[in-house]
All heavy atoms as atom14 arrays in JSON, in Angstrom:
{
  "sequence": "NPVDRLWSHYWMMLRDGYENRSFDDATSPQ",
  "atom14_mask": [
    [1, 1, 1, 1, 1, 1, 1, 1, 0, 0, 0, 0, 0, 0],
    [1, 1, 1, 1, 1, 1, 1, 0, 0, 0, 0, 0, 0, 0],
    [1, 1, 1, 1, 1, 1, 1, 0, 0, 0, 0, 0, 0, 0],
    [1, 1, 1, 1, 1, 1, 1, 1, 0, 0, 0, 0, 0, 0],
    [1, 1, 1, 1, 1, 1, 1, 1, 1, 1, 1, 0, 0, 0],
    [1, 1, 1, 1, 1, 1, 1, 1, 0, 0, 0, 0, 0, 0],
    [1, 1, 1, 1, 1, 1, 1, 1, 1, 1, 1, 1, 1, 1],
    [1, 1, 1, 1, 1, 1, 0, 0, 0, 0, 0, 0, 0, 0],
    [1, 1, 1, 1, 1, 1, 1, 1, 1, 1, 0, 0, 0, 0],
    [1, 1, 1, 1, 1, 1, 1, 1, 1, 1, 1, 1, 0, 0],
    [1, 1, 1, 1, 1, 1, 1, 1, 1, 1, 1, 1, 1, 1],
    [1, 1, 1, 1, 1, 1, 1, 1, 0, 0, 0, 0, 0, 0],
    [1, 1, 1, 1, 1, 1, 1, 1, 0, 0, 0, 0, 0, 0],
    [1, 1, 1, 1, 1, 1, 1, 1, 0, 0, 0, 0, 0, 0],
    [1, 1, 1, 1, 1, 1, 1, 1, 1, 1, 1, 0, 0, 0],
    [1, 1, 1, 1, 1, 1, 1, 1, 0, 0, 0, 0, 0, 0],
    [1, 1, 1, 1, 0, 0, 0, 0, 0, 0, 0, 0, 0, 0],
    [1, 1, 1, 1, 1, 1, 1, 1, 1, 1, 1, 1, 0, 0],
    [1, 1, 1, 1, 1, 1, 1, 1, 1, 0, 0, 0, 0, 0],
    [1, 1, 1, 1, 1, 1, 1, 1, 0, 0, 0, 0, 0, 0],
    [1, 1, 1, 1, 1, 1, 1, 1, 1, 1, 1, 0, 0, 0],
    [1, 1, 1, 1, 1, 1, 0, 0, 0, 0, 0, 0, 0, 0],
    [1, 1, 1, 1, 1, 1, 1, 1, 1, 1, 1, 0, 0, 0],
    [1, 1, 1, 1, 1, 1, 1, 1, 0, 0, 0, 0, 0, 0],
    [1, 1, 1, 1, 1, 1, 1, 1, 0, 0, 0, 0, 0, 0],
    [1, 1, 1, 1, 1, 0, 0, 0, 0, 0, 0, 0, 0, 0],
    [1, 1, 1, 1, 1, 1, 1, 0, 0, 0, 0, 0, 0, 0],
    [1, 1, 1, 1, 1, 1, 0, 0, 0, 0, 0, 0, 0, 0],
    [1, 1, 1, 1, 1, 1, 1, 0, 0, 0, 0, 0, 0, 0],
    [1, 1, 1, 1, 1, 1, 1, 1, 1, 0, 0, 0, 0, 0]
  ],
  "atom14_positions": [
    [[89.01, -13.41, -52.05], [87.72, -13.51, -51.42], [86.67, -13.65, -52.51], [86.6, -12.81, -53.42], [87.47, -12.26, -50.58], [86.09, -12.23, -49.97], [85.09, -12.42, -50.67], [86.02, -11.97, -48.68], [0.0, 0.0, 0.0], [0.0, 0.0, 0.0], [0.0, 0.0, 0.0], [0.0, 0.0, 0.0], [0.0, 0.0, 0.0], [0.0, 0.0, 0.0]],
    [[85.85, -14.7, -52.48], [84.91, -14.94, -53.58], [83.93, -13.79, -53.84], [83.55, -13.54, -54.98], [84.16, -16.2, -53.15], [85.05, -16.86, -52.16], [85.82, -15.77, -51.49], [0.0, 0.0, 0.0], [0.0, 0.0, 0.0], [0.0, 0.0, 0.0], [0.0, 0.0, 0.0], [0.0, 0.0, 0.0], [0.0, 0.0, 0.0], [0.0, 0.0, 0.0]],
    [[83.51, -13.09, -52.8], [82.57, -11.99, -53.0], [83.27, -10.83, -53.72], [82.73, -10.26, -54.68], [81.97, -11.52, -51.65], [81.12, -10.28, -51.83], [81.17, -12.66, -51.02], [0.0, 0.0, 0.0], [0.0, 0.0, 0.0], [0.0, 0.0, 0.0], [0.0, 0.0, 0.0], [0.0, 0.0, 0.0], [0.0, 0.0, 0.0], [0.0, 0.0, 0.0]],
    [[84.49, -10.51, -53.32], [85.26, -9.46, -54.0], [85.54, -9.86, -55.45], [85.48, -9.03, -56.36], [86.58, -9.2, -53.28], [86.39, -8.6, -51.9], [85.31, -8.01, -51.65], [87.31, -8.74, -51.08], [0.0, 0.0, 0.0], [0.0, 0.0, 0.0], [0.0, 0.0, 0.0], [0.0, 0.0, 0.0], [0.0, 0.0, 0.0], [0.0, 0.0, 0.0]],
    [[85.86, -11.13, -55.65], [86.15, -11.61, -57.0], [84.9, -11.52, -57.88], [84.97, -11.09, -59.03], [86.63, -13.07, -56.93], [87.29, -13.52, -58.21], [87.4, -15.03, -58.28], [86.14, -15.69, -58.51], [85.46, -15.65, -59.67], [85.93, -15.02, -60.7], [84.32, -16.28, -59.78], [0.0, 0.0, 0.0], [0.0, 0.0, 0.0], [0.0, 0.0, 0.0]],
    [[83.76, -11.89, -57.36], [82.51, -11.8, -58.11], [82.21, -10.36, -58.52], [81.84, -10.09, -59.66], [81.35, -12.38, -57.27], [79.96, -12.25, -57.88], [79.86, -13.1, -59.14], [78.92, -12.66, -56.87], [0.0, 0.0, 0.0], [0.0, 0.0, 0.0], [0.0, 0.0, 0.0], [0.0, 0.0, 0.0], [0.0, 0.0, 0.0], [0.0, 0.0, 0.0]],
    [[82.38, -9.45, -57.6], [82.13, -8.03, -57.87], [83.06, -7.54, -58.99], [82.62, -6.9, -59.95], [82.33, -7.24, -56.58], [82.02, -5.8, -56.67], [82.92, -4.77, -56.6], [80.74, -5.18, -56.84], [82.28, -3.56, -56.71], [80.93, -3.79, -56.87], [79.45, -5.67, -56.99], [79.89, -2.89, -57.02], [78.42, -4.77, -57.14], [78.63, -3.39, -57.16]],
    [[84.32, -7.87, -58.9], [85.3, -7.47, -59.92], [84.97, -8.09, -61.27], [85.05, -7.44, -62.32], [86.7, -7.87, -59.47], [87.66, -7.54, -60.44], [0.0, 0.0, 0.0], [0.0, 0.0, 0.0], [0.0, 0.0, 0.0], [0.0, 0.0, 0.0], [0.0, 0.0, 0.0], [0.0, 0.0, 0.0], [0.0, 0.0, 0.0], [0.0, 0.0, 0.0]],
    [[84.6, -9.35, -61.25], [84.27, -10.06, -62.49], [83.02, -9.45, -63.14], [82.98, -9.28, -64.37], [84.03, -11.55, -62.2], [84.04, -12.4, -63.41], [85.17, -13.0, -63.89], [83.05, -12.74, -64.26], [84.88, -13.68, -64.98], [83.59, -13.54, -65.23], [0.0, 0.0, 0.0], [0.0, 0.0, 0.0], [0.0, 0.0, 0.0], [0.0, 0.0, 0.0]],
    [[82.05, -9.11, -62.33], [80.84, -8.47, -62.87], [81.2, -7.18, -63.59], [80.75, -6.95, -64.73], [79.83, -8.19, -61.73], [78.7, -7.3, -62.19], [77.66, -7.82, -62.95], [78.69, -5.94, -61.89], [76.62, -7.0, -63.39], [77.67, -5.12, -62.33], [76.64, -5.65, -63.07], [75.63, -4.83, -63.52], [0.0, 0.0, 0.0], [0.0, 0.0, 0.0]],
    [[82.0, -6.34, -62.98], [82.34, -5.05, -63.6], [83.17, -5.24, -64.86], [83.03, -4.49, -65.83], [83.04, -4.13, -62.6], [82.03, -3.55, -61.66], [81.8, -3.91, -60.37], [81.05, -2.55, -61.98], [80.74, -3.2, -59.86], [80.26, -2.34, -60.83], [80.75, -1.82, -63.13], [79.23, -1.42, -60.79], [79.71, -0.89, -63.08], [78.96, -0.7, -61.92]],
    [[84.02, -6.26, -64.92], [84.78, -6.54, -66.14], [83.82, -6.98, -67.26], [83.94, -6.52, -68.4], [85.81, -7.64, -65.89], [86.59, -8.03, -67.15], [87.61, -9.51, -66.96], [86.36, -10.79, -66.94], [0.0, 0.0, 0.0], [0.0, 0.0, 0.0], [0.0, 0.0, 0.0], [0.0, 0.0, 0.0], [0.0, 0.0, 0.0], [0.0, 0.0, 0.0]],
    [[82.88, -7.85, -66.95], [81.93, -8.32, -67.95], [81.05, -7.17, -68.45], [80.75, -7.09, -69.64], [81.06, -9.44, -67.38], [81.85, -10.67, -66.95], [82.68, -11.47, -68.33], [81.34, -12.41, -68.96], [0.0, 0.0, 0.0], [0.0, 0.0, 0.0], [0.0, 0.0, 0.0], [0.0, 0.0, 0.0], [0.0, 0.0, 0.0], [0.0, 0.0, 0.0]],
    [[80.66, -6.28, -67.56], [79.87, -5.11, -67.94], [80.69, -4.2, -68.86], [80.23, -3.79, -69.92], [79.42, -4.37, -66.68], [78.36, -3.3, -66.83], [77.02, -3.94, -67.16], [78.26, -2.48, -65.55], [0.0, 0.0, 0.0], [0.0, 0.0, 0.0], [0.0, 0.0, 0.0], [0.0, 0.0, 0.0], [0.0, 0.0, 0.0], [0.0, 0.0, 0.0]],
    [[81.93, -3.95, -68.46], [82.84, -3.1, -69.25], [83.07, -3.65, -70.65], [83.07, -2.92, -71.63], [84.18, -2.98, -68.51], [85.25, -2.19, -69.27], [86.65, -2.48, -68.75], [87.02, -3.85, -69.12], [87.92, -4.57, -68.48], [88.54, -4.1, -67.42], [88.21, -5.79, -68.89], [0.0, 0.0, 0.0], [0.0, 0.0, 0.0], [0.0, 0.0, 0.0]],
    [[83.22, -4.98, -70.75], [83.54, -5.61, -72.03], [82.31, -5.92, -72.88], [82.43, -6.48, -73.97], [84.35, -6.89, -71.79], [85.73, -6.61, -71.23], [86.17, -5.43, -71.23], [86.39, -7.56, -70.77], [0.0, 0.0, 0.0], [0.0, 0.0, 0.0], [0.0, 0.0, 0.0], [0.0, 0.0, 0.0], [0.0, 0.0, 0.0], [0.0, 0.0, 0.0]],
    [[81.13, -5.56, -72.38], [79.91, -5.72, -73.16], [79.29, -7.11, -73.11], [78.4, -7.41, -73.9], [0.0, 0.0, 0.0], [0.0, 0.0, 0.0], [0.0, 0.0, 0.0], [0.0, 0.0, 0.0], [0.0, 0.0, 0.0], [0.0, 0.0, 0.0], [0.0, 0.0, 0.0], [0.0, 0.0, 0.0], [0.0, 0.0, 0.0], [0.0, 0.0, 0.0]],
    [[79.73, -7.96, -72.18], [79.17, -9.31, -72.07], [78.04, -9.38, -71.05], [77.4, -10.41, -70.93], [80.25, -10.32, -71.7], [81.3, -10.48, -72.76], [82.62, -10.15, -72.51], [80.97, -10.98, -74.01], [83.59, -10.31, -73.49], [81.92, -11.13, -75.0], [83.23, -10.8, -74.72], [84.17, -10.94, -75.69], [0.0, 0.0, 0.0], [0.0, 0.0, 0.0]],
    [[77.85, -8.32, -70.31], [76.8, -8.29, -69.3], [76.01, -7.0, -69.46], [76.6, -5.94, -69.7], [77.41, -8.35, -67.89], [76.41, -8.37, -66.76], [75.5, -9.59, -66.84], [75.95, -10.68, -66.45], [74.34, -9.44, -67.29], [0.0, 0.0, 0.0], [0.0, 0.0, 0.0], [0.0, 0.0, 0.0], [0.0, 0.0, 0.0], [0.0, 0.0, 0.0]],
    [[74.68, -7.1, -69.35], [73.87, -5.89, -69.43], [72.83, -5.85, -68.31], [72.01, -4.95, -68.26], [73.19, -5.76, -70.8], [72.33, -6.98, -71.12], [72.1, -7.83, -70.29], [71.86, -7.04, -72.36], [0.0, 0.0, 0.0], [0.0, 0.0, 0.0], [0.0, 0.0, 0.0], [0.0, 0.0, 0.0], [0.0, 0.0, 0.0], [0.0, 0.0, 0.0]],
    [[72.89, -6.81, -67.43], [71.95, -6.85, -66.31], [72.52, -6.11, -65.11], [73.72, -5.93, -65.0], [71.67, -8.3, -65.9], [71.07, -9.14, -67.0], [70.97, -10.58, -66.54], [70.57, -11.45, -67.61], [69.63, -12.36, -67.5], [69.0, -12.54, -66.37], [69.32, -13.11, -68.53], [0.0, 0.0, 0.0], [0.0, 0.0, 0.0], [0.0, 0.0, 0.0]],
    [[71.64, -5.75, -64.19], [72.1, -5.17, -62.93], [72.86, -6.25, -62.16], [72.7, -7.45, -62.43], [70.91, -4.68, -62.1], [70.16, -5.81, -61.63], [0.0, 0.0, 0.0], [0.0, 0.0, 0.0], [0.0, 0.0, 0.0], [0.0, 0.0, 0.0], [0.0, 0.0, 0.0], [0.0, 0.0, 0.0], [0.0, 0.0, 0.0], [0.0, 0.0, 0.0]],
    [[73.66, -5.83, -61.21], [74.42, -6.79, -60.4], [73.48, -7.78, -59.72], [73.71, -8.99, -59.75], [75.29, -6.06, -59.36], [76.1, -7.0, -58.52], [77.29, -7.54, -58.99], [75.68, -7.36, -57.25], [78.04, -8.41, -58.22], [76.42, -8.23, -56.47], [77.6, -8.75, -56.96], [0.0, 0.0, 0.0], [0.0, 0.0, 0.0], [0.0, 0.0, 0.0]],
    [[72.41, -7.27, -59.12], [71.47, -8.14, -58.41], [70.84, -9.16, -59.35], [70.69, -10.34, -59.0], [70.39, -7.32, -57.71], [70.92, -6.56, -56.5], [71.99, -6.96, -55.97], [70.28, -5.58, -56.1], [0.0, 0.0, 0.0], [0.0, 0.0, 0.0], [0.0, 0.0, 0.0], [0.0, 0.0, 0.0], [0.0, 0.0, 0.0], [0.0, 0.0, 0.0]],
    [[70.46, -8.72, -60.54], [69.84, -9.63, -61.5], [70.87, -10.64, -62.03], [70.59, -11.83, -62.13], [69.21, -8.85, -62.66], [68.41, -9.74, -63.6], [67.91, -10.8, -63.15], [68.29, -9.37, -64.78], [0.0, 0.0, 0.0], [0.0, 0.0, 0.0], [0.0, 0.0, 0.0], [0.0, 0.0, 0.0], [0.0, 0.0, 0.0], [0.0, 0.0, 0.0]],
    [[72.06, -10.15, -62.37], [73.1, -11.03, -62.93], [73.55, -12.1, -61.95], [73.97, -13.18, -62.35], [74.29, -10.2, -63.38], [0.0, 0.0, 0.0], [0.0, 0.0, 0.0], [0.0, 0.0, 0.0], [0.0, 0.0, 0.0], [0.0, 0.0, 0.0], [0.0, 0.0, 0.0], [0.0, 0.0, 0.0], [0.0, 0.0, 0.0], [0.0, 0.0, 0.0]],
    [[73.45, -11.81, -60.65], [73.93, -12.76, -59.64], [72.79, -13.47, -58.9], [73.05, -14.17, -57.93], [74.84, -12.05, -58.62], [74.09, -10.99, -57.98], [76.08, -11.49, -59.29], [0.0, 0.0, 0.0], [0.0, 0.0, 0.0], [0.0, 0.0, 0.0], [0.0, 0.0, 0.0], [0.0, 0.0, 0.0], [0.0, 0.0, 0.0], [0.0, 0.0, 0.0]],
    [[71.58, -13.31, -59.4], [70.46, -14.0, -58.74], [70.57, -15.5, -58.99], [71.1, -15.94, -60.01], [69.13, -13.48, -59.29], [68.9, -14.0, -60.59], [0.0, 0.0, 0.0], [0.0, 0.0, 0.0], [0.0, 0.0, 0.0], [0.0, 0.0, 0.0], [0.0, 0.0, 0.0], [0.0, 0.0, 0.0], [0.0, 0.0, 0.0], [0.0, 0.0, 0.0]],
    [[70.07, -16.31, -58.07], [70.11, -17.77, -58.26], [69.43, -18.21, -59.56], [69.91, -19.14, -60.22], [69.38, -18.31, -57.02], [69.56, -17.25, -55.99], [69.54, -15.94, -56.74], [0.0, 0.0, 0.0], [0.0, 0.0, 0.0], [0.0, 0.0, 0.0], [0.0, 0.0, 0.0], [0.0, 0.0, 0.0], [0.0, 0.0, 0.0], [0.0, 0.0, 0.0]],
    [[68.36, -17.54, -59.94], [67.66, -17.92, -61.17], [68.53, -17.66, -62.4], [68.61, -18.5, -63.31], [66.34, -17.14, -61.3], [65.31, -17.45, -60.23], [65.56, -16.68, -58.93], [66.39, -15.77, -58.85], [64.84, -17.07, -57.89], [0.0, 0.0, 0.0], [0.0, 0.0, 0.0], [0.0, 0.0, 0.0], [0.0, 0.0, 0.0], [0.0, 0.0, 0.0]]
  ]
}
């Protein structure tokens, strides 16, 4: 499911230090 996959991917990127934005900011259209 793409939504579940996105959520999992976000947490992996956060864990690995490649993401530092909130989920809402990281996934915003902008």
